PDB file of all heavy atoms in Angstrom:
ATOM      1  N   ASN A   1       0.808  -1.213   0.000  1.00  0.00           N
ATOM      2  CA  ASN A   1       0.000   0.000   0.000  1.00  0.00           C
ATOM      3  C   ASN A   1       0.846   1.270   0.000  1.00  0.00           C
ATOM      4  O   ASN A   1       0.383   2.315  -0.450  1.00  0.00           O
ATOM      5  CB  ASN A   1      -0.954  -0.007   1.190  1.00  0.00           C
ATOM      6  CG  ASN A   1      -2.133  -0.932   0.980  1.00  0.00           C
ATOM      7  OD1 ASN A   1      -2.380  -1.392  -0.127  1.00  0.00           O
ATOM      8  ND2 ASN A   1      -2.865  -1.206   2.041  1.00  0.00           N
ATOM      9  N   ALA A   2       2.061   1.182   0.513  1.00  0.00           N
ATOM     10  CA  ALA A   2       2.942   2.334   0.469  1.00  0.00           C
ATOM     11  C   ALA A   2       3.261   2.727  -0.963  1.00  0.00           C
ATOM     12  O   ALA A   2       3.484   3.900  -1.261  1.00  0.00           O
ATOM     13  CB  ALA A   2       4.225   2.061   1.241  1.00  0.00           C
ATOM     14  N   LYS A   3       3.295   1.742  -1.852  1.00  0.00           N
ATOM     15  CA  LYS A   3       3.536   1.992  -3.271  1.00  0.00           C
ATOM     16  C   LYS A   3       2.255   1.984  -4.089  1.00  0.00           C
ATOM     17  O   LYS A   3       2.302   2.181  -5.302  1.00  0.00           O
ATOM     18  CB  LYS A   3       4.503   0.948  -3.833  1.00  0.00           C
ATOM     19  CG  LYS A   3       5.890   0.984  -3.221  1.00  0.00           C
ATOM     20  CD  LYS A   3       6.798  -0.044  -3.870  1.00  0.00           C
ATOM     21  CE  LYS A   3       8.203   0.018  -3.310  1.00  0.00           C
ATOM     22  NZ  LYS A   3       9.100  -0.982  -3.946  1.00  0.00           N
ATOM     23  N   ASN A   4       1.126   1.732  -3.424  1.00  0.00           N
ATOM     24  CA  ASN A   4      -0.165   1.653  -4.100  1.00  0.00           C
ATOM     25  C   ASN A   4      -0.122   0.650  -5.252  1.00  0.00           C
ATOM     26  O   ASN A   4      -0.626   0.905  -6.349  1.00  0.00           O
ATOM     27  CB  ASN A   4      -0.591   3.027  -4.612  1.00  0.00           C
ATOM     28  CG  ASN A   4      -2.081   3.260  -4.473  1.00  0.00           C
ATOM     29  OD1 ASN A   4      -2.826   2.399  -4.011  1.00  0.00           O
ATOM     30  ND2 ASN A   4      -2.536   4.437  -4.877  1.00  0.00           N
ATOM     31  N   THR A   5       0.469  -0.488  -4.973  1.00  0.00           N
ATOM     32  CA  THR A   5       0.705  -1.495  -5.996  1.00  0.00           C
ATOM     33  C   THR A   5       0.270  -2.868  -5.504  1.00  0.00           C
ATOM     34  O   THR A   5       0.537  -3.233  -4.359  1.00  0.00           O
ATOM     35  CB  THR A   5       2.188  -1.538  -6.399  1.00  0.00           C
ATOM     36  OG1 THR A   5       2.581  -0.258  -6.906  1.00  0.00           O
ATOM     37  CG2 THR A   5       2.432  -2.587  -7.464  1.00  0.00           C
ATOM     38  N   VAL A   6      -0.388  -3.604  -6.378  1.00  0.00           N
ATOM     39  CA  VAL A   6      -0.775  -4.984  -6.126  1.00  0.00           C
ATOM     40  C   VAL A   6       0.041  -5.879  -7.044  1.00  0.00           C
ATOM     41  O   VAL A   6       0.285  -5.541  -8.207  1.00  0.00           O
ATOM     42  CB  VAL A   6      -2.280  -5.190  -6.355  1.00  0.00           C
ATOM     43  CG1 VAL A   6      -2.648  -6.668  -6.246  1.00  0.00           C
ATOM     44  CG2 VAL A   6      -3.079  -4.380  -5.345  1.00  0.00           C
ATOM     45  N   TYR A   7       0.447  -7.024  -6.521  1.00  0.00           N
ATOM     46  CA  TYR A   7       1.301  -7.936  -7.265  1.00  0.00           C
ATOM     47  C   TYR A   7       0.606  -9.269  -7.481  1.00  0.00           C
ATOM     48  O   TYR A   7      -0.154  -9.741  -6.641  1.00  0.00           O
ATOM     49  CB  TYR A   7       2.614  -8.182  -6.527  1.00  0.00           C
ATOM     50  CG  TYR A   7       3.399  -6.931  -6.238  1.00  0.00           C
ATOM     51  CD1 TYR A   7       3.308  -6.302  -5.000  1.00  0.00           C
ATOM     52  CD2 TYR A   7       4.228  -6.372  -7.206  1.00  0.00           C
ATOM     53  CE1 TYR A   7       4.023  -5.152  -4.732  1.00  0.00           C
ATOM     54  CE2 TYR A   7       4.940  -5.222  -6.947  1.00  0.00           C
ATOM     55  CZ  TYR A   7       4.842  -4.610  -5.712  1.00  0.00           C
ATOM     56  OH  TYR A   7       5.553  -3.466  -5.458  1.00  0.00           O
ATOM     57  N   LEU A   8       0.897  -9.869  -8.602  1.00  0.00           N
ATOM     58  CA  LEU A   8       0.495 -11.236  -8.880  1.00  0.00           C
ATOM     59  C   LEU A   8       1.763 -12.026  -9.158  1.00  0.00           C
ATOM     60  O   LEU A   8       2.366 -11.883 -10.227  1.00  0.00           O
ATOM     61  CB  LEU A   8      -0.461 -11.315 -10.067  1.00  0.00           C
ATOM     62  CG  LEU A   8      -0.891 -12.722 -10.500  1.00  0.00           C
ATOM     63  CD1 LEU A   8      -1.691 -13.406  -9.395  1.00  0.00           C
ATOM     64  CD2 LEU A   8      -1.704 -12.668 -11.792  1.00  0.00           C
ATOM     65  N   GLN A   9       2.183 -12.814  -8.185  1.00  0.00           N
ATOM     66  CA  GLN A   9       3.354 -13.665  -8.345  1.00  0.00           C
ATOM     67  C   GLN A   9       2.916 -14.977  -8.964  1.00  0.00           C
ATOM     68  O   GLN A   9       2.077 -15.677  -8.401  1.00  0.00           O
ATOM     69  CB  GLN A   9       4.029 -13.912  -6.995  1.00  0.00           C
ATOM     70  CG  GLN A   9       5.253 -14.819  -7.063  1.00  0.00           C
ATOM     71  CD  GLN A   9       6.404 -14.200  -7.809  1.00  0.00           C
ATOM     72  OE1 GLN A   9       6.760 -13.050  -7.565  1.00  0.00           O
ATOM     73  NE2 GLN A   9       6.988 -14.943  -8.741  1.00  0.00           N
ATOM     74  N   MET A  10       3.484 -15.311 -10.096  1.00  0.00           N
ATOM     75  CA  MET A  10       3.110 -16.507 -10.831  1.00  0.00           C
ATOM     76  C   MET A  10       4.314 -17.431 -10.918  1.00  0.00           C
ATOM     77  O   MET A  10       5.323 -17.091 -11.538  1.00  0.00           O
ATOM     78  CB  MET A  10       2.605 -16.154 -12.232  1.00  0.00           C
ATOM     79  CG  MET A  10       1.448 -15.164 -12.235  1.00  0.00           C
ATOM     80  SD  MET A  10       0.775 -14.869 -13.896  1.00  0.00           S
ATOM     81  CE  MET A  10       2.198 -14.080 -14.666  1.00  0.00           C
ATOM     82  N   ASN A  11       4.202 -18.575 -10.295  1.00  0.00           N
ATOM     83  CA  ASN A  11       5.253 -19.587 -10.315  1.00  0.00           C
ATOM     84  C   ASN A  11       4.761 -20.827 -11.039  1.00  0.00           C
ATOM     85  O   ASN A  11       3.563 -21.034 -11.211  1.00  0.00           O
ATOM     86  CB  ASN A  11       5.672 -19.946  -8.888  1.00  0.00           C
ATOM     87  CG  ASN A  11       6.231 -18.783  -8.117  1.00  0.00           C
ATOM     88  OD1 ASN A  11       6.913 -17.920  -8.670  1.00  0.00           O
ATOM     89  ND2 ASN A  11       5.959 -18.752  -6.809  1.00  0.00           N
ATOM     90  N   SER A  12       5.693 -21.660 -11.436  1.00  0.00           N
ATOM     91  CA  SER A  12       5.372 -22.911 -12.124  1.00  0.00           C
ATOM     92  C   SER A  12       4.400 -22.679 -13.273  1.00  0.00           C
ATOM     93  O   SER A  12       3.394 -23.380 -13.423  1.00  0.00           O
ATOM     94  CB  SER A  12       4.799 -23.932 -11.133  1.00  0.00           C
ATOM     95  OG  SER A  12       5.715 -24.201 -10.093  1.00  0.00           O
ATOM     96  N   LEU A  13       4.704 -21.702 -14.083  1.00  0.00           N
ATOM     97  CA  LEU A  13       3.809 -21.328 -15.169  1.00  0.00           C
ATOM     98  C   LEU A  13       3.654 -22.454 -16.180  1.00  0.00           C
ATOM     99  O   LEU A  13       4.606 -23.180 -16.477  1.00  0.00           O
ATOM    100  CB  LEU A  13       4.312 -20.071 -15.857  1.00  0.00           C
ATOM    101  CG  LEU A  13       4.010 -18.771 -15.106  1.00  0.00           C
ATOM    102  CD1 LEU A  13       4.893 -17.642 -15.595  1.00  0.00           C
ATOM    103  CD2 LEU A  13       2.533 -18.403 -15.269  1.00  0.00           C
ATOM    104  N   GLU A  14       2.460 -22.570 -16.685  1.00  0.00           N
ATOM    105  CA  GLU A  14       2.102 -23.580 -17.662  1.00  0.00           C
ATOM    106  C   GLU A  14       1.624 -22.903 -18.934  1.00  0.00           C
ATOM    107  O   GLU A  14       1.180 -21.752 -18.900  1.00  0.00           O
ATOM    108  CB  GLU A  14       0.998 -24.486 -17.104  1.00  0.00           C
ATOM    109  CG  GLU A  14       1.353 -25.146 -15.783  1.00  0.00           C
ATOM    110  CD  GLU A  14       0.170 -25.810 -15.120  1.00  0.00           C
ATOM    111  OE1 GLU A  14      -0.964 -25.666 -15.641  1.00  0.00           O
ATOM    112  OE2 GLU A  14       0.364 -26.480 -14.096  1.00  0.00           O
ATOM    113  N   PRO A  15       1.706 -23.603 -20.073  1.00  0.00           N
ATOM    114  CA  PRO A  15       1.199 -22.998 -21.310  1.00  0.00           C
ATOM    115  C   PRO A  15      -0.246 -22.541 -21.209  1.00  0.00           C
ATOM    116  O   PRO A  15      -0.631 -21.555 -21.852  1.00  0.00           O
ATOM    117  CB  PRO A  15       1.358 -24.131 -22.337  1.00  0.00           C
ATOM    118  CG  PRO A  15       2.507 -24.929 -21.823  1.00  0.00           C
ATOM    119  CD  PRO A  15       2.373 -24.893 -20.324  1.00  0.00           C
ATOM    120  N   GLU A  16      -1.036 -23.220 -20.404  1.00  0.00           N
ATOM    121  CA  GLU A  16      -2.431 -22.849 -20.216  1.00  0.00           C
ATOM    122  C   GLU A  16      -2.594 -21.508 -19.516  1.00  0.00           C
ATOM    123  O   GLU A  16      -3.687 -20.930 -19.532  1.00  0.00           O
ATOM    124  CB  GLU A  16      -3.172 -23.928 -19.427  1.00  0.00           C
ATOM    125  CG  GLU A  16      -3.306 -25.261 -20.150  1.00  0.00           C
ATOM    126  CD  GLU A  16      -2.030 -26.084 -20.151  1.00  0.00           C
ATOM    127  OE1 GLU A  16      -1.096 -25.774 -19.385  1.00  0.00           O
ATOM    128  OE2 GLU A  16      -1.950 -27.052 -20.929  1.00  0.00           O
ATOM    129  N   ASP A  17      -1.542 -21.003 -18.898  1.00  0.00           N
ATOM    130  CA  ASP A  17      -1.596 -19.716 -18.221  1.00  0.00           C
ATOM    131  C   ASP A  17      -1.395 -18.549 -19.174  1.00  0.00           C
ATOM    132  O   ASP A  17      -1.565 -17.394 -18.768  1.00  0.00           O
ATOM    133  CB  ASP A  17      -0.540 -19.641 -17.116  1.00  0.00           C
ATOM    134  CG  ASP A  17      -0.760 -20.665 -16.023  1.00  0.00           C
ATOM    135  OD1 ASP A  17      -1.917 -20.841 -15.594  1.00  0.00           O
ATOM    136  OD2 ASP A  17       0.239 -21.282 -15.597  1.00  0.00           O
ATOM    137  N   ALA A  18      -1.007 -18.803 -20.394  1.00  0.00           N
ATOM    138  CA  ALA A  18      -0.756 -17.735 -21.352  1.00  0.00           C
ATOM    139  C   ALA A  18      -2.037 -16.957 -21.619  1.00  0.00           C
ATOM    140  O   ALA A  18      -3.083 -17.540 -21.924  1.00  0.00           O
ATOM    141  CB  ALA A  18      -0.195 -18.305 -22.644  1.00  0.00           C
ATOM    142  N   ALA A  19      -1.957 -15.656 -21.496  1.00  0.00           N
ATOM    143  CA  ALA A  19      -3.121 -14.801 -21.670  1.00  0.00           C
ATOM    144  C   ALA A  19      -2.687 -13.353 -21.487  1.00  0.00           C
ATOM    145  O   ALA A  19      -1.559 -13.069 -21.088  1.00  0.00           O
ATOM    146  CB  ALA A  19      -4.219 -15.147 -20.663  1.00  0.00           C
ATOM    147  N   VAL A  20      -3.606 -12.452 -21.774  1.00  0.00           N
ATOM    148  CA  VAL A  20      -3.451 -11.073 -21.343  1.00  0.00           C
ATOM    149  C   VAL A  20      -4.019 -10.976 -19.936  1.00  0.00           C
ATOM    150  O   VAL A  20      -5.157 -11.372 -19.694  1.00  0.00           O
ATOM    151  CB  VAL A  20      -4.162 -10.089 -22.281  1.00  0.00           C
ATOM    152  CG1 VAL A  20      -4.057  -8.667 -21.742  1.00  0.00           C
ATOM    153  CG2 VAL A  20      -3.566 -10.167 -23.683  1.00  0.00           C
ATOM    154  N   TYR A  21      -3.221 -10.467 -19.022  1.00  0.00           N
ATOM    155  CA  TYR A  21      -3.637 -10.356 -17.634  1.00  0.00           C
ATOM    156  C   TYR A  21      -4.033  -8.925 -17.322  1.00  0.00           C
ATOM    157  O   TYR A  21      -3.321  -7.980 -17.664  1.00  0.00           O
ATOM    158  CB  TYR A  21      -2.512 -10.805 -16.700  1.00  0.00           C
ATOM    159  CG  TYR A  21      -2.388 -12.307 -16.616  1.00  0.00           C
ATOM    160  CD1 TYR A  21      -1.889 -13.037 -17.686  1.00  0.00           C
ATOM    161  CD2 TYR A  21      -2.793 -12.997 -15.472  1.00  0.00           C
ATOM    162  CE1 TYR A  21      -1.796 -14.420 -17.626  1.00  0.00           C
ATOM    163  CE2 TYR A  21      -2.699 -14.374 -15.401  1.00  0.00           C
ATOM    164  CZ  TYR A  21      -2.198 -15.083 -16.477  1.00  0.00           C
ATOM    165  OH  TYR A  21      -2.105 -16.453 -16.405  1.00  0.00           O
ATOM    166  N   TYR A  22      -5.165  -8.779 -16.659  1.00  0.00           N
ATOM    167  CA  TYR A  22      -5.715  -7.485 -16.300  1.00  0.00           C
ATOM    168  C   TYR A  22      -5.895  -7.383 -14.797  1.00  0.00           C
ATOM    169  O   TYR A  22      -6.271  -8.358 -14.148  1.00  0.00           O
ATOM    170  CB  TYR A  22      -7.089  -7.268 -16.941  1.00  0.00           C
ATOM    171  CG  TYR A  22      -7.113  -7.309 -18.445  1.00  0.00           C
ATOM    172  CD1 TYR A  22      -7.287  -8.509 -19.120  1.00  0.00           C
ATOM    173  CD2 TYR A  22      -6.990  -6.140 -19.189  1.00  0.00           C
ATOM    174  CE1 TYR A  22      -7.328  -8.554 -20.501  1.00  0.00           C
ATOM    175  CE2 TYR A  22      -7.026  -6.175 -20.563  1.00  0.00           C
ATOM    176  CZ  TYR A  22      -7.198  -7.383 -21.220  1.00  0.00           C
ATOM    177  OH  TYR A  22      -7.243  -7.420 -22.589  1.00  0.00           O
ATOM    178  N   CYS A  23      -5.651  -6.221 -14.256  1.00  0.00           N
ATOM    179  CA  CYS A  23      -6.054  -5.943 -12.897  1.00  0.00           C
ATOM    180  C   CYS A  23      -7.218  -4.965 -12.921  1.00  0.00           C
ATOM    181  O   CYS A  23      -7.402  -4.208 -13.873  1.00  0.00           O
ATOM    182  CB  CYS A  23      -4.905  -5.400 -12.041  1.00  0.00           C
ATOM    183  SG  CYS A  23      -4.291  -3.764 -12.489  1.00  0.00           S
ATOM    184  N   ALA A  24      -8.010  -5.008 -11.872  1.00  0.00           N
ATOM    185  CA  ALA A  24      -9.187  -4.165 -11.770  1.00  0.00           C
ATOM    186  C   ALA A  24      -9.442  -3.834 -10.310  1.00  0.00           C
ATOM    187  O   ALA A  24      -9.070  -4.594  -9.415  1.00  0.00           O
ATOM    188  CB  ALA A  24     -10.408  -4.871 -12.377  1.00  0.00           C
ATOM    189  N   GLN A  25     -10.084  -2.702 -10.078  1.00  0.00           N
ATOM    190  CA  GLN A  25     -10.423  -2.295  -8.725  1.00  0.00           C
ATOM    191  C   GLN A  25     -11.895  -1.964  -8.611  1.00  0.00           C
ATOM    192  O   GLN A  25     -12.499  -1.415  -9.533  1.00  0.00           O
ATOM    193  CB  GLN A  25      -9.592  -1.095  -8.277  1.00  0.00           C
ATOM    194  CG  GLN A  25      -8.149  -1.435  -7.970  1.00  0.00           C
ATOM    195  CD  GLN A  25      -7.428  -0.327  -7.222  1.00  0.00           C
ATOM    196  OE1 GLN A  25      -7.950   0.772  -7.070  1.00  0.00           O
ATOM    197  NE2 GLN A  25      -6.230  -0.623  -6.756  1.00  0.00           N
ATOM    198  N   GLY A  26     -12.461  -2.286  -7.476  1.00  0.00           N
ATOM    199  CA  GLY A  26     -13.836  -1.979  -7.156  1.00  0.00           C
ATOM    200  C   GLY A  26     -13.960  -1.654  -5.682  1.00  0.00           C
ATOM    201  O   GLY A  26     -12.968  -1.573  -4.960  1.00  0.00           O
ATOM    202  N   LEU A  27     -15.189  -1.484  -5.236  1.00  0.00           N
ATOM    203  CA  LEU A  27     -15.410  -1.109  -3.848  1.00  0.00           C
ATOM    204  C   LEU A  27     -15.045  -2.218  -2.879  1.00  0.00           C
ATOM    205  O   LEU A  27     -14.745  -1.948  -1.719  1.00  0.00           O
ATOM    206  CB  LEU A  27     -16.869  -0.701  -3.644  1.00  0.00           C
ATOM    207  CG  LEU A  27     -17.310   0.569  -4.367  1.00  0.00           C
ATOM    208  CD1 LEU A  27     -18.789   0.822  -4.113  1.00  0.00           C
ATOM    209  CD2 LEU A  27     -16.478   1.759  -3.916  1.00  0.00           C
ATOM    210  N   SER A  28     -15.071  -3.457  -3.333  1.00  0.00           N
ATOM    211  CA  SER A  28     -14.712  -4.583  -2.495  1.00  0.00           C
ATOM    212  C   SER A  28     -14.259  -5.730  -3.374  1.00  0.00           C
ATOM    213  O   SER A  28     -14.329  -5.647  -4.602  1.00  0.00           O
ATOM    214  CB  SER A  28     -15.892  -5.002  -1.611  1.00  0.00           C
ATOM    215  OG  SER A  28     -16.986  -5.418  -2.405  1.00  0.00           O
ATOM    216  N   THR A  29     -13.801  -6.801  -2.761  1.00  0.00           N
ATOM    217  CA  THR A  29     -13.371  -7.955  -3.528  1.00  0.00           C
ATOM    218  C   THR A  29     -14.569  -8.657  -4.158  1.00  0.00           C
ATOM    219  O   THR A  29     -15.651  -8.709  -3.587  1.00  0.00           O
ATOM    220  CB  THR A  29     -12.608  -8.945  -2.649  1.00  0.00           C
ATOM    221  OG1 THR A  29     -13.442  -9.349  -1.553  1.00  0.00           O
ATOM    222  CG2 THR A  29     -11.346  -8.304  -2.100  1.00  0.00           C
ATOM    223  N   SER A  30     -14.355  -9.199  -5.339  1.00  0.00           N
ATOM    224  CA  SER A  30     -15.426  -9.862  -6.063  1.00  0.00           C
ATOM    225  C   SER A  30     -14.830 -10.761  -7.134  1.00  0.00           C
ATOM    226  O   SER A  30     -13.721 -10.527  -7.620  1.00  0.00           O
ATOM    227  CB  SER A  30     -16.363  -8.838  -6.702  1.00  0.00           C
ATOM    228  OG  SER A  30     -17.346  -9.463  -7.501  1.00  0.00           O
ATOM    229  N   VAL A  31     -15.576 -11.793  -7.507  1.00  0.00           N
ATOM    230  CA  VAL A  31     -15.195 -12.669  -8.609  1.00  0.00           C
ATOM    231  C   VAL A  31     -15.820 -12.222  -9.924  1.00  0.00           C
ATOM    232  O   VAL A  31     -15.527 -12.800 -10.965  1.00  0.00           O
ATOM    233  CB  VAL A  31     -15.590 -14.130  -8.326  1.00  0.00           C
ATOM    234  CG1 VAL A  31     -14.978 -14.614  -7.023  1.00  0.00           C
ATOM    235  CG2 VAL A  31     -17.107 -14.290  -8.285  1.00  0.00           C
ATOM    236  N   TYR A  32     -16.657 -11.216  -9.898  1.00  0.00           N
ATOM    237  CA  TYR A  32     -17.431 -10.820 -11.067  1.00  0.00           C
ATOM    238  C   TYR A  32     -16.824  -9.624 -11.771  1.00  0.00           C
ATOM    239  O   TYR A  32     -16.483  -8.615 -11.159  1.00  0.00           O
ATOM    240  CB  TYR A  32     -18.868 -10.490 -10.667  1.00  0.00           C
ATOM    241  CG  TYR A  32     -19.588 -11.635  -9.997  1.00  0.00           C
ATOM    242  CD1 TYR A  32     -19.916 -11.571  -8.647  1.00  0.00           C
ATOM    243  CD2 TYR A  32     -19.936 -12.769 -10.713  1.00  0.00           C
ATOM    244  CE1 TYR A  32     -20.574 -12.614  -8.031  1.00  0.00           C
ATOM    245  CE2 TYR A  32     -20.594 -13.820 -10.104  1.00  0.00           C
ATOM    246  CZ  TYR A  32     -20.915 -13.738  -8.767  1.00  0.00           C
ATOM    247  OH  TYR A  32     -21.566 -14.773  -8.149  1.00  0.00           O
ATOM    248  N   VAL A  33     -16.722  -9.733 -13.086  1.00  0.00           N
ATOM    249  CA  VAL A  33     -16.230  -8.626 -13.894  1.00  0.00           C
ATOM    250  C   VAL A  33     -17.061  -7.379 -13.659  1.00  0.00           C
ATOM    251  O   VAL A  33     -16.529  -6.266 -13.552  1.00  0.00           O
ATOM    252  CB  VAL A  33     -16.235  -9.007 -15.390  1.00  0.00           C
ATOM    253  CG1 VAL A  33     -15.980  -7.782 -16.262  1.00  0.00           C
ATOM    254  CG2 VAL A  33     -15.190 -10.074 -15.670  1.00  0.00           C
ATOM    255  N   ARG A  34     -18.368  -7.539 -13.578  1.00  0.00           N
ATOM    256  CA  ARG A  34     -19.268  -6.397 -13.450  1.00  0.00           C
ATOM    257  C   ARG A  34     -19.101  -5.641 -12.145  1.00  0.00           C
ATOM    258  O   ARG A  34     -19.591  -4.517 -12.023  1.00  0.00           O
ATOM    259  CB  ARG A  34     -20.717  -6.854 -13.586  1.00  0.00           C
ATOM    260  CG  ARG A  34     -21.191  -7.769 -12.461  1.00  0.00           C
ATOM    261  CD  ARG A  34     -22.671  -8.103 -12.640  1.00  0.00           C
ATOM    262  NE  ARG A  34     -23.191  -8.897 -11.538  1.00  0.00           N
ATOM    263  CZ  ARG A  34     -23.214 -10.225 -11.505  1.00  0.00           C
ATOM    264  NH1 ARG A  34     -22.739 -10.917 -12.540  1.00  0.00           N
ATOM    265  NH2 ARG A  34     -23.711 -10.871 -10.462  1.00  0.00           N
ATOM    266  N   SER A  35     -18.436  -6.239 -11.169  1.00  0.00           N
ATOM    267  CA  SER A  35     -18.270  -5.595  -9.877  1.00  0.00           C
ATOM    268  C   SER A  35     -17.133  -4.585  -9.855  1.00  0.00           C
ATOM    269  O   SER A  35     -17.008  -3.833  -8.893  1.00  0.00           O
ATOM    270  CB  SER A  35     -18.021  -6.642  -8.795  1.00  0.00           C
ATOM    271  OG  SER A  35     -19.130  -7.515  -8.665  1.00  0.00           O
ATOM    272  N   TYR A  36     -16.317  -4.576 -10.878  1.00  0.00           N
ATOM    273  CA  TYR A  36     -15.139  -3.723 -10.898  1.00  0.00           C
ATOM    274  C   TYR A  36     -15.368  -2.479 -11.746  1.00  0.00           C
ATOM    275  O   TYR A  36     -15.914  -2.554 -12.851  1.00  0.00           O
ATOM    276  CB  TYR A  36     -13.926  -4.510 -11.392  1.00  0.00           C
ATOM    277  CG  TYR A  36     -13.521  -5.581 -10.422  1.00  0.00           C
ATOM    278  CD1 TYR A  36     -14.030  -6.867 -10.520  1.00  0.00           C
ATOM    279  CD2 TYR A  36     -12.641  -5.298  -9.379  1.00  0.00           C
ATOM    280  CE1 TYR A  36     -13.675  -7.850  -9.607  1.00  0.00           C
ATOM    281  CE2 TYR A  36     -12.277  -6.274  -8.469  1.00  0.00           C
ATOM    282  CZ  TYR A  36     -12.799  -7.547  -8.587  1.00  0.00           C
ATOM    283  OH  TYR A  36     -12.441  -8.524  -7.680  1.00  0.00           O
ATOM    284  N   ASP A  37     -14.929  -1.366 -11.214  1.00  0.00           N
ATOM    285  CA  ASP A  37     -15.162  -0.076 -11.848  1.00  0.00           C
ATOM    286  C   ASP A  37     -14.002   0.399 -12.705  1.00  0.00           C
ATOM    287  O   ASP A  37     -14.205   1.147 -13.662  1.00  0.00           O
ATOM    288  CB  ASP A  37     -15.442   0.989 -10.774  1.00  0.00           C
ATOM    289  CG  ASP A  37     -16.648   0.654  -9.924  1.00  0.00           C
ATOM    290  OD1 ASP A  37     -17.723   0.388 -10.495  1.00  0.00           O
ATOM    291  OD2 ASP A  37     -16.522   0.669  -8.682  1.00  0.00           O
ATOM    292  N   TYR A  38     -12.807  -0.010 -12.369  1.00  0.00           N
ATOM    293  CA  TYR A  38     -11.615   0.476 -13.046  1.00  0.00           C
ATOM    294  C   TYR A  38     -10.765  -0.691 -13.506  1.00  0.00           C
ATOM    295  O   TYR A  38     -10.586  -1.669 -12.779  1.00  0.00           O
ATOM    296  CB  TYR A  38     -10.804   1.387 -12.117  1.00  0.00           C
ATOM    297  CG  TYR A  38     -11.623   2.493 -11.505  1.00  0.00           C
ATOM    298  CD1 TYR A  38     -12.073   2.402 -10.196  1.00  0.00           C
ATOM    299  CD2 TYR A  38     -11.959   3.617 -12.246  1.00  0.00           C
ATOM    300  CE1 TYR A  38     -12.835   3.402  -9.636  1.00  0.00           C
ATOM    301  CE2 TYR A  38     -12.728   4.623 -11.695  1.00  0.00           C
ATOM    302  CZ  TYR A  38     -13.163   4.511 -10.391  1.00  0.00           C
ATOM    303  OH  TYR A  38     -13.925   5.510  -9.836  1.00  0.00           O
TER     304      TYR A  38
END
């Protein structure tokens, strides 16, 4: 939070993990795309 940064550490990567990765923020945690505003 001091850097206002969230990290996703990915180990033991597999070909199935290949993708464009996005981060998003909302008012609270959620599994739904529609819940995120930014």
